[in-house]
């Protein structure tokens, strides 16, 4: 750092899908906080965390907790 400016930055990313064990951990943690969530947007910028399984399970968990209250108005 020089003042408030970066002089050099090196990043390394691994975008391969996460392991099954890590999938389990992500889902367990999500389930544990899911009652406190009002809305969710799923995006990991193609970094490998949101595998098909993780995405499907998060959507399934959310669907189980949704209470549908349709609003019908007379026209």
Protein backbone atom coordinates (compact mmCIF):
# COMPACT_ATOMS: atom_id res chain seq x y z
CA UNK A 1 0.00 0.00 0.00
CA UNK A 2 1.13 3.48 -0.79
CA UNK A 3 -1.18 6.00 0.76
CA UNK A 4 -4.62 4.69 -0.17
CA UNK A 5 -3.49 3.01 -3.41
CA UNK A 6 -2.60 -0.60 -4.13
CA UNK A 7 0.72 -0.99 -5.88
CA UNK A 8 0.35 -4.71 -6.59
CA UNK A 9 -2.35 -7.26 -6.02
CA UNK A 10 -2.19 -10.96 -6.82
CA UNK A 11 -5.28 -13.15 -6.54
CA UNK A 12 -5.77 -16.85 -7.00
CA UNK A 13 -9.18 -18.46 -7.29
CA UNK A 14 -10.34 -22.02 -7.48
CA UNK A 15 -13.74 -22.23 -9.18
CA UNK A 16 -14.04 -26.01 -8.99
CA UNK A 17 -17.13 -27.30 -7.15
CA UNK A 18 -16.84 -27.68 -3.38
CA UNK A 19 -16.52 -31.11 -1.76
CA UNK A 20 -19.51 -33.11 -0.50
CA UNK A 21 -18.40 -32.46 3.09
CA UNK A 22 -18.35 -28.72 2.48
CA UNK A 23 -21.75 -28.93 0.76
CA UNK A 24 -23.10 -30.54 3.94
CA UNK A 25 -21.59 -27.78 6.08
CA UNK A 26 -23.03 -25.01 3.89
CA UNK A 27 -26.49 -26.60 3.96
CA UNK A 28 -26.36 -27.21 7.71
CA UNK A 29 -25.44 -23.60 8.38
CA UNK A 30 -28.08 -22.31 5.98
CA UNK A 31 -30.78 -24.46 7.58
CA UNK A 32 -29.79 -23.20 11.04
CA UNK A 33 -30.34 -19.55 10.03
CA UNK A 34 -33.19 -20.06 7.56
CA UNK A 35 -35.91 -19.01 10.03
CA UNK A 36 -34.33 -15.56 10.25
CA UNK A 37 -34.23 -14.95 6.48
CA UNK A 38 -36.85 -12.77 4.79
CA UNK A 39 -35.50 -13.05 1.23
CA UNK A 40 -32.62 -14.73 -0.56
CA UNK A 41 -30.66 -14.24 -3.77
CA UNK A 42 -28.41 -17.11 -4.81
CA UNK A 43 -25.20 -16.05 -6.54
CA UNK A 44 -21.57 -17.04 -6.12
CA UNK A 45 -20.22 -15.50 -9.34
CA UNK A 46 -19.47 -19.00 -10.66
CA UNK A 47 -16.95 -19.70 -7.89
CA UNK A 48 -18.11 -23.27 -7.17
CA UNK A 49 -19.93 -22.88 -3.85
CA UNK A 50 -23.43 -23.04 -5.29
CA UNK A 51 -23.34 -26.52 -6.73
CA UNK A 52 -26.55 -27.90 -8.22
CA UNK A 53 -27.16 -29.81 -4.99
CA UNK A 54 -26.58 -26.80 -2.73
CA UNK A 55 -28.82 -24.59 -4.88
CA UNK A 56 -31.60 -27.17 -5.02
CA UNK A 57 -31.49 -27.84 -1.28
CA UNK A 58 -31.54 -24.15 -0.38
CA UNK A 59 -34.56 -23.65 -2.66
CA UNK A 60 -36.25 -26.71 -1.12
CA UNK A 61 -35.64 -25.43 2.41
CA UNK A 62 -37.05 -22.03 1.47
CA UNK A 63 -40.14 -23.55 -0.13
CA UNK A 64 -40.90 -25.53 3.03
CA UNK A 65 -40.84 -22.34 5.08
CA UNK A 66 -42.85 -20.10 2.75
CA UNK A 67 -46.37 -19.22 3.77
CA UNK A 68 -48.36 -18.16 0.74
CA UNK A 69 -50.92 -15.49 1.42
CA UNK A 70 -52.40 -14.43 -1.90
CA UNK A 71 -53.88 -10.97 -2.11
CA UNK A 72 -57.01 -10.92 -4.22
CA UNK A 73 -58.54 -7.58 -5.13
CA UNK A 74 -61.86 -7.02 -6.76
CA UNK A 75 -61.56 -4.98 -9.92
